[in-house]
């Protein structure tokens, strides 16, 4: 009977120690600030193919915004031929 009580007590101690170690650190004492949510970005469409992409990734050109340098060059060459 004493043996079972000792095993139960040891299991309880290991359970509590494991639960304490798996807890995430509190934000009060942490040195690094927790980043907030990222704000949404404006979306633009490519003037050549129409694909939508974030404005930060788009390339500006004479005819609008483009998804790649190749599309910008092709669009500007086409505009130069038509002019």
PDB file of N, CA and C in Angstrom:
ATOM      1  N   UNK A   1       0.818  -1.182   0.000  1.00  0.00           N
ATOM      2  CA  UNK A   1       0.000   0.000   0.000  1.00  0.00           C
ATOM      3  C   UNK A   1       0.870   1.257   0.000  1.00  0.00           C
ATOM      4  N   UNK A   2       1.940   1.258   0.816  1.00  0.00           N
ATOM      5  CA  UNK A   2       2.833   2.404   0.857  1.00  0.00           C
ATOM      6  C   UNK A   2       3.540   2.597  -0.484  1.00  0.00           C
ATOM      7  N   UNK A   3       3.814   1.500  -1.166  1.00  0.00           N
ATOM      8  CA  UNK A   3       4.477   1.556  -2.461  1.00  0.00           C
ATOM      9  C   UNK A   3       3.592   2.264  -3.487  1.00  0.00           C
ATOM     10  N   UNK A   4       2.296   1.964  -3.518  1.00  0.00           N
ATOM     11  CA  UNK A   4       1.370   2.607  -4.435  1.00  0.00           C
ATOM     12  C   UNK A   4       1.217   4.097  -4.121  1.00  0.00           C
ATOM     13  N   UNK A   5       1.189   4.453  -2.845  1.00  0.00           N
ATOM     14  CA  UNK A   5       1.092   5.855  -2.450  1.00  0.00           C
ATOM     15  C   UNK A   5       2.338   6.620  -2.884  1.00  0.00           C
ATOM     16  N   UNK A   6       3.507   5.999  -2.748  1.00  0.00           N
ATOM     17  CA  UNK A   6       4.746   6.633  -3.176  1.00  0.00           C
ATOM     18  C   UNK A   6       4.767   6.829  -4.690  1.00  0.00           C
ATOM     19  N   UNK A   7       4.304   5.859  -5.454  1.00  0.00           N
ATOM     20  CA  UNK A   7       4.247   5.985  -6.924  1.00  0.00           C
ATOM     21  C   UNK A   7       3.281   7.097  -7.319  1.00  0.00           C
ATOM     22  N   UNK A   8       2.132   7.173  -6.673  1.00  0.00           N
ATOM     23  CA  UNK A   8       1.155   8.219  -6.979  1.00  0.00           C
ATOM     24  C   UNK A   8       1.717   9.594  -6.654  1.00  0.00           C
ATOM     25  N   UNK A   9       2.426   9.713  -5.551  1.00  0.00           N
ATOM     26  CA  UNK A   9       3.018  10.997  -5.169  1.00  0.00           C
ATOM     27  C   UNK A   9       4.100  11.417  -6.165  1.00  0.00           C
ATOM     28  N   UNK A  10       4.942  10.491  -6.574  1.00  0.00           N
ATOM     29  CA  UNK A  10       5.974  10.798  -7.566  1.00  0.00           C
ATOM     30  C   UNK A  10       5.351  11.179  -8.913  1.00  0.00           C
ATOM     31  N   UNK A  11       4.306  10.492  -9.317  1.00  0.00           N
ATOM     32  CA  UNK A  11       3.628  10.818 -10.572  1.00  0.00           C
ATOM     33  C   UNK A  11       3.037  12.223 -10.511  1.00  0.00           C
ATOM     34  N   UNK A  12       2.485  12.604  -9.381  1.00  0.00           N
ATOM     35  CA  UNK A  12       1.930  13.940  -9.211  1.00  0.00           C
ATOM     36  C   UNK A  12       3.024  15.002  -9.288  1.00  0.00           C
ATOM     37  N   UNK A  13       4.165  14.748  -8.668  1.00  0.00           N
ATOM     38  CA  UNK A  13       5.278  15.699  -8.708  1.00  0.00           C
ATOM     39  C   UNK A  13       5.788  15.867 -10.138  1.00  0.00           C
ATOM     40  N   UNK A  14       5.978  14.765 -10.859  1.00  0.00           N
ATOM     41  CA  UNK A  14       6.437  14.855 -12.247  1.00  0.00           C
ATOM     42  C   UNK A  14       5.410  15.547 -13.133  1.00  0.00           C
ATOM     43  N   UNK A  15       4.143  15.312 -12.909  1.00  0.00           N
ATOM     44  CA  UNK A  15       3.088  15.968 -13.679  1.00  0.00           C
ATOM     45  C   UNK A  15       3.121  17.473 -13.462  1.00  0.00           C
ATOM     46  N   UNK A  16       3.248  17.917 -12.209  1.00  0.00           N
ATOM     47  CA  UNK A  16       3.281  19.347 -11.919  1.00  0.00           C
ATOM     48  C   UNK A  16       4.546  20.011 -12.471  1.00  0.00           C
ATOM     49  N   UNK A  17       5.686  19.341 -12.402  1.00  0.00           N
ATOM     50  CA  UNK A  17       6.916  19.895 -12.957  1.00  0.00           C
ATOM     51  C   UNK A  17       6.834  19.996 -14.473  1.00  0.00           C
ATOM     52  N   UNK A  18       6.275  19.011 -15.116  1.00  0.00           N
ATOM     53  CA  UNK A  18       6.124  19.040 -16.566  1.00  0.00           C
ATOM     54  C   UNK A  18       5.168  20.122 -17.010  1.00  0.00           C
ATOM     55  N   UNK A  19       4.111  20.332 -16.271  1.00  0.00           N
ATOM     56  CA  UNK A  19       3.135  21.364 -16.612  1.00  0.00           C
ATOM     57  C   UNK A  19       3.743  22.749 -16.436  1.00  0.00           C
ATOM     58  N   UNK A  20       4.599  22.921 -15.423  1.00  0.00           N
ATOM     59  CA  UNK A  20       5.232  24.216 -15.175  1.00  0.00           C
ATOM     60  C   UNK A  20       6.221  24.550 -16.286  1.00  0.00           C
ATOM     61  N   UNK A  21       6.960  23.588 -16.803  1.00  0.00           N
ATOM     62  CA  UNK A  21       7.947  23.820 -17.847  1.00  0.00           C
ATOM     63  C   UNK A  21       7.303  24.076 -19.199  1.00  0.00           C
ATOM     64  N   UNK A  22       6.129  23.523 -19.460  1.00  0.00           N
ATOM     65  CA  UNK A  22       5.493  23.698 -20.758  1.00  0.00           C
ATOM     66  C   UNK A  22       4.705  24.994 -20.856  1.00  0.00           C
ATOM     67  N   UNK A  23       4.583  25.736 -19.782  1.00  0.00           N
ATOM     68  CA  UNK A  23       3.844  26.987 -19.780  1.00  0.00           C
ATOM     69  C   UNK A  23       4.645  28.053 -20.528  1.00  0.00           C
ATOM     70  N   UNK A  24       4.006  28.831 -21.446  1.00  0.00           N
ATOM     71  CA  UNK A  24       4.748  29.882 -22.143  1.00  0.00           C
ATOM     72  C   UNK A  24       5.148  30.987 -21.180  1.00  0.00           C
ATOM     73  N   UNK A  25       6.262  31.682 -21.455  1.00  0.00           N
ATOM     74  CA  UNK A  25       6.708  32.737 -20.546  1.00  0.00           C
ATOM     75  C   UNK A  25       5.706  33.889 -20.525  1.00  0.00           C
ATOM     76  N   UNK A  26       5.592  34.504 -19.367  1.00  0.00           N
ATOM     77  CA  UNK A  26       4.661  35.620 -19.239  1.00  0.00           C
ATOM     78  C   UNK A  26       5.211  36.827 -19.977  1.00  0.00           C
ATOM     79  N   UNK A  27       4.331  37.694 -20.461  1.00  0.00           N
ATOM     80  CA  UNK A  27       4.759  38.847 -21.239  1.00  0.00           C
ATOM     81  C   UNK A  27       5.247  39.989 -20.355  1.00  0.00           C
ATOM     82  N   UNK A  28       5.011  39.932 -19.062  1.00  0.00           N
ATOM     83  CA  UNK A  28       5.423  41.019 -18.173  1.00  0.00           C
ATOM     84  C   UNK A  28       6.934  41.112 -18.046  1.00  0.00           C
ATOM     85  N   UNK A  29       7.628  39.998 -17.926  1.00  0.00           N
ATOM     86  CA  UNK A  29       9.058  40.021 -17.692  1.00  0.00           C
ATOM     87  C   UNK A  29       9.880  39.781 -18.944  1.00  0.00           C
ATOM     88  N   UNK A  30       9.270  39.672 -20.102  1.00  0.00           N
ATOM     89  CA  UNK A  30      10.030  39.361 -21.304  1.00  0.00           C
ATOM     90  C   UNK A  30      10.732  40.596 -21.842  1.00  0.00           C
ATOM     91  N   UNK A  31      11.918  40.393 -22.412  1.00  0.00           N
ATOM     92  CA  UNK A  31      12.704  41.499 -22.945  1.00  0.00           C
ATOM     93  C   UNK A  31      12.234  41.886 -24.345  1.00  0.00           C
ATOM     94  N   UNK A  32      11.706  40.919 -25.120  1.00  0.00           N
ATOM     95  CA  UNK A  32      11.271  41.197 -26.485  1.00  0.00           C
ATOM     96  C   UNK A  32       9.786  41.521 -26.508  1.00  0.00           C
ATOM     97  N   UNK A  33       9.399  42.579 -27.199  1.00  0.00           N
ATOM     98  CA  UNK A  33       7.967  42.874 -27.314  1.00  0.00           C
ATOM     99  C   UNK A  33       7.285  41.889 -28.265  1.00  0.00           C
ATOM    100  N   UNK A  34       6.046  41.601 -27.997  1.00  0.00           N
ATOM    101  CA  UNK A  34       5.272  40.694 -28.834  1.00  0.00           C
ATOM    102  C   UNK A  34       4.750  41.492 -30.029  1.00  0.00           C
ATOM    103  N   UNK A  35       5.020  41.037 -31.269  1.00  0.00           N
ATOM    104  CA  UNK A  35       4.561  41.796 -32.434  1.00  0.00           C
ATOM    105  C   UNK A  35       3.033  41.747 -32.546  1.00  0.00           C
ATOM    106  N   UNK A  36       2.468  42.839 -32.992  1.00  0.00           N
ATOM    107  CA  UNK A  36       1.028  42.928 -33.165  1.00  0.00           C
ATOM    108  C   UNK A  36       0.621  42.385 -34.522  1.00  0.00           C
ATOM    109  N   UNK A  37      -0.655  42.443 -34.831  1.00  0.00           N
ATOM    110  CA  UNK A  37      -1.111  41.945 -36.130  1.00  0.00           C
ATOM    111  C   UNK A  37      -0.598  42.840 -37.261  1.00  0.00           C
ATOM    112  N   UNK A  38      -0.330  42.217 -38.390  1.00  0.00           N
ATOM    113  CA  UNK A  38       0.172  42.938 -39.556  1.00  0.00           C
ATOM    114  C   UNK A  38      -1.011  43.592 -40.261  1.00  0.00           C
ATOM    115  N   UNK A  39      -0.943  44.903 -40.548  1.00  0.00           N
ATOM    116  CA  UNK A  39      -2.057  45.551 -41.235  1.00  0.00           C
ATOM    117  C   UNK A  39      -2.179  45.047 -42.681  1.00  0.00           C
ATOM    118  N   UNK A  40      -3.366  45.062 -43.240  1.00  0.00           N
ATOM    119  CA  UNK A  40      -3.538  44.586 -44.612  1.00  0.00           C
ATOM    120  C   UNK A  40      -2.852  45.526 -45.609  1.00  0.00           C
ATOM    121  N   UNK A  41      -2.406  44.968 -46.724  1.00  0.00           N
ATOM    122  CA  UNK A  41      -1.745  45.750 -47.760  1.00  0.00           C
ATOM    123  C   UNK A  41      -2.724  46.045 -48.888  1.00  0.00           C
ATOM    124  N   UNK A  42      -2.499  47.155 -49.563  1.00  0.00           N
ATOM    125  CA  UNK A  42      -3.312  47.488 -50.733  1.00  0.00           C
ATOM    126  C   UNK A  42      -2.926  46.549 -51.876  1.00  0.00           C
ATOM    127  N   UNK A  43      -3.917  46.097 -52.611  1.00  0.00           N
ATOM    128  CA  UNK A  43      -3.686  45.203 -53.741  1.00  0.00           C
ATOM    129  C   UNK A  43      -3.853  45.985 -55.041  1.00  0.00           C
ATOM    130  N   UNK A  44      -2.996  45.694 -56.023  1.00  0.00           N
ATOM    131  CA  UNK A  44      -3.081  46.305 -57.342  1.00  0.00           C
ATOM    132  C   UNK A  44      -3.079  45.191 -58.376  1.00  0.00           C
ATOM    133  N   UNK A  45      -3.511  45.505 -59.586  1.00  0.00           N
ATOM    134  CA  UNK A  45      -3.485  44.497 -60.646  1.00  0.00           C
ATOM    135  C   UNK A  45      -2.459  44.890 -61.696  1.00  0.00           C
ATOM    136  N   UNK A  46      -1.840  43.903 -62.289  1.00  0.00           N
ATOM    137  CA  UNK A  46      -0.843  44.114 -63.330  1.00  0.00           C
ATOM    138  C   UNK A  46      -1.541  44.675 -64.562  1.00  0.00           C
ATOM    139  N   UNK A  47      -0.974  45.728 -65.141  1.00  0.00           N
ATOM    140  CA  UNK A  47      -1.565  46.339 -66.327  1.00  0.00           C
ATOM    141  C   UNK A  47      -1.443  45.435 -67.544  1.00  0.00           C
ATOM    142  N   UNK A  48      -0.560  44.468 -67.532  1.00  0.00           N
ATOM    143  CA  UNK A  48      -0.355  43.571 -68.676  1.00  0.00           C
ATOM    144  C   UNK A  48      -1.241  42.321 -68.590  1.00  0.00           C
ATOM    145  N   UNK A  49      -1.179  41.601 -67.454  1.00  0.00           N
ATOM    146  CA  UNK A  49      -1.892  40.315 -67.366  1.00  0.00           C
ATOM    147  C   UNK A  49      -3.089  40.349 -66.425  1.00  0.00           C
ATOM    148  N   UNK A  50      -3.179  41.362 -65.571  1.00  0.00           N
ATOM    149  CA  UNK A  50      -4.334  41.499 -64.684  1.00  0.00           C
ATOM    150  C   UNK A  50      -4.228  40.758 -63.365  1.00  0.00           C
ATOM    151  N   UNK A  51      -3.102  40.094 -63.097  1.00  0.00           N
ATOM    152  CA  UNK A  51      -2.971  39.371 -61.836  1.00  0.00           C
ATOM    153  C   UNK A  51      -2.904  40.376 -60.684  1.00  0.00           C
ATOM    154  N   UNK A  52      -3.525  40.041 -59.550  1.00  0.00           N
ATOM    155  CA  UNK A  52      -3.519  40.915 -58.379  1.00  0.00           C
ATOM    156  C   UNK A  52      -2.343  40.557 -57.485  1.00  0.00           C
ATOM    157  N   UNK A  53      -1.673  41.603 -56.968  1.00  0.00           N
ATOM    158  CA  UNK A  53      -0.535  41.400 -56.092  1.00  0.00           C
ATOM    159  C   UNK A  53      -0.442  42.578 -55.125  1.00  0.00           C
ATOM    160  N   UNK A  54       0.245  42.399 -53.988  1.00  0.00           N
ATOM    161  CA  UNK A  54       0.398  43.508 -53.036  1.00  0.00           C
ATOM    162  C   UNK A  54       1.153  44.669 -53.676  1.00  0.00           C
ATOM    163  N   UNK A  55       0.777  45.881 -53.313  1.00  0.00           N
ATOM    164  CA  UNK A  55       1.412  47.057 -53.917  1.00  0.00           C
ATOM    165  C   UNK A  55       2.899  47.137 -53.595  1.00  0.00           C
ATOM    166  N   UNK A  56       3.333  46.562 -52.478  1.00  0.00           N
ATOM    167  CA  UNK A  56       4.760  46.553 -52.140  1.00  0.00           C
ATOM    168  C   UNK A  56       5.572  45.701 -53.109  1.00  0.00           C
ATOM    169  N   UNK A  57       4.961  44.678 -53.711  1.00  0.00           N
ATOM    170  CA  UNK A  57       5.663  43.787 -54.635  1.00  0.00           C
ATOM    171  C   UNK A  57       5.552  44.236 -56.084  1.00  0.00           C
ATOM    172  N   UNK A  58       4.677  45.171 -56.392  1.00  0.00           N
ATOM    173  CA  UNK A  58       4.447  45.604 -57.765  1.00  0.00           C
ATOM    174  C   UNK A  58       5.552  46.537 -58.248  1.00  0.00           C
ATOM    175  N   UNK A  59       5.799  46.512 -59.553  1.00  0.00           N
ATOM    176  CA  UNK A  59       6.798  47.382 -60.172  1.00  0.00           C
ATOM    177  C   UNK A  59       6.077  48.505 -60.909  1.00  0.00           C
ATOM    178  N   UNK A  60       6.366  49.760 -60.590  1.00  0.00           N
ATOM    179  CA  UNK A  60       5.709  50.860 -61.302  1.00  0.00           C
ATOM    180  C   UNK A  60       6.311  51.035 -62.699  1.00  0.00           C
ATOM    181  N   UNK A  61       5.462  51.458 -63.617  1.00  0.00           N
ATOM    182  CA  UNK A  61       5.916  51.706 -64.986  1.00  0.00           C
ATOM    183  C   UNK A  61       5.125  52.844 -65.594  1.00  0.00           C
ATOM    184  N   UNK A  62       5.337  53.103 -66.880  1.00  0.00           N
ATOM    185  CA  UNK A  62       4.662  54.206 -67.565  1.00  0.00           C
ATOM    186  C   UNK A  62       3.165  53.956 -67.718  1.00  0.00           C
ATOM    187  N   UNK A  63       2.763  52.693 -67.786  1.00  0.00           N
ATOM    188  CA  UNK A  63       1.356  52.381 -68.005  1.00  0.00           C
ATOM    189  C   UNK A  63       0.631  51.896 -66.773  1.00  0.00           C
ATOM    190  N   UNK A  64       1.252  51.919 -65.624  1.00  0.00           N
ATOM    191  CA  UNK A  64       0.609  51.447 -64.400  1.00  0.00           C
ATOM    192  C   UNK A  64       1.551  50.600 -63.567  1.00  0.00           C
ATOM    193  N   UNK A  65       0.979  49.631 -62.859  1.00  0.00           N
ATOM    194  CA  UNK A  65       1.753  48.740 -62.000  1.00  0.00           C
ATOM    195  C   UNK A  65       1.850  47.370 -62.681  1.00  0.00           C
ATOM    196  N   UNK A  66       2.992  46.702 -62.483  1.00  0.00           N
ATOM    197  CA  UNK A  66       3.245  45.443 -63.169  1.00  0.00           C
ATOM    198  C   UNK A  66       3.733  44.382 -62.185  1.00  0.00           C
ATOM    199  N   UNK A  67       3.487  43.115 -62.536  1.00  0.00           N
ATOM    200  CA  UNK A  67       3.881  42.008 -61.666  1.00  0.00           C
ATOM    201  C   UNK A  67       5.333  41.611 -61.877  1.00  0.00           C
ATOM    202  N   UNK A  68       5.921  41.953 -63.019  1.00  0.00           N
ATOM    203  CA  UNK A  68       7.323  41.599 -63.274  1.00  0.00           C
ATOM    204  C   UNK A  68       7.930  42.606 -64.242  1.00  0.00           C
ATOM    205  N   UNK A  69       9.260  42.595 -64.304  1.00  0.00           N
ATOM    206  CA  UNK A  69       9.968  43.496 -65.218  1.00  0.00           C
ATOM    207  C   UNK A  69       9.685  43.117 -66.671  1.00  0.00           C
ATOM    208  N   UNK A  70       9.490  41.829 -66.942  1.00  0.00           N
ATOM    209  CA  UNK A  70       9.196  41.386 -68.306  1.00  0.00           C
ATOM    210  C   UNK A  70       7.847  41.930 -68.763  1.00  0.00           C
ATOM    211  N   UNK A  71       6.847  41.915 -67.902  1.00  0.00           N
ATOM    212  CA  UNK A  71       5.538  42.446 -68.275  1.00  0.00           C
ATOM    213  C   UNK A  71       5.599  43.957 -68.458  1.00  0.00           C
ATOM    214  N   UNK A  72       6.388  44.630 -67.627  1.00  0.00           N
ATOM    215  CA  UNK A  72       6.534  46.079 -67.775  1.00  0.00           C
ATOM    216  C   UNK A  72       7.189  46.403 -69.116  1.00  0.00           C
ATOM    217  N   UNK A  73       8.256  45.686 -69.463  1.00  0.00           N
ATOM    218  CA  UNK A  73       8.959  45.934 -70.730  1.00  0.00           C
ATOM    219  C   UNK A  73       8.058  45.615 -71.919  1.00  0.00           C
ATOM    220  N   UNK A  74       7.320  44.525 -71.862  1.00  0.00           N
ATOM    221  CA  UNK A  74       6.432  44.158 -72.963  1.00  0.00           C
ATOM    222  C   UNK A  74       5.314  45.179 -73.138  1.00  0.00           C
ATOM    223  N   UNK A  75       4.747  45.644 -72.044  1.00  0.00           N
ATOM    224  CA  UNK A  75       3.674  46.627 -72.121  1.00  0.00           C
ATOM    225  C   UNK A  75       4.191  47.943 -72.697  1.00  0.00           C
ATOM    226  N   UNK A  76       5.357  48.397 -72.241  1.00  0.00           N
ATOM    227  CA  UNK A  76       5.914  49.665 -72.733  1.00  0.00           C
ATOM    228  C   UNK A  76       6.332  49.549 -74.191  1.00  0.00           C
ATOM    229  N   UNK A  77       6.844  48.383 -74.618  1.00  0.00           N
ATOM    230  CA  UNK A  77       7.187  48.185 -76.026  1.00  0.00           C
ATOM    231  C   UNK A  77       5.935  48.196 -76.891  1.00  0.00           C
ATOM    232  N   UNK A  78       4.878  47.594 -76.403  1.00  0.00           N
ATOM    233  CA  UNK A  78       3.612  47.578 -77.135  1.00  0.00           C
ATOM    234  C   UNK A  78       3.040  48.992 -77.257  1.00  0.00           C
ATOM    235  N   UNK A  79       3.142  49.764 -76.197  1.00  0.00           N
ATOM    236  CA  UNK A  79       2.651  51.150 -76.209  1.00  0.00           C
ATOM    237  C   UNK A  79       3.480  51.995 -77.171  1.00  0.00           C
ATOM    238  N   UNK A  80       4.789  51.746 -77.246  1.00  0.00           N
ATOM    239  CA  UNK A  80       5.662  52.503 -78.143  1.00  0.00           C
ATOM    240  C   UNK A  80       5.343  52.171 -79.612  1.00  0.00           C
ATOM    241  N   UNK A  81       5.017  50.907 -79.900  1.00  0.00           N
ATOM    242  CA  UNK A  81       4.648  50.514 -81.264  1.00  0.00           C
ATOM    243  C   UNK A  81       3.321  51.135 -81.677  1.00  0.00           C
ATOM    244  N   UNK A  82       2.378  51.260 -80.742  1.00  0.00           N
ATOM    245  CA  UNK A  82       1.045  51.801 -81.041  1.00  0.00           C
ATOM    246  C   UNK A  82       1.057  53.320 -81.140  1.00  0.00           C
ATOM    247  N   UNK A  83       2.067  53.970 -80.615  1.00  0.00           N
ATOM    248  CA  UNK A  83       2.081  55.438 -80.620  1.00  0.00           C
ATOM    249  C   UNK A  83       2.629  56.017 -81.886  1.00  0.00           C
TER     250      UNK A  83
END
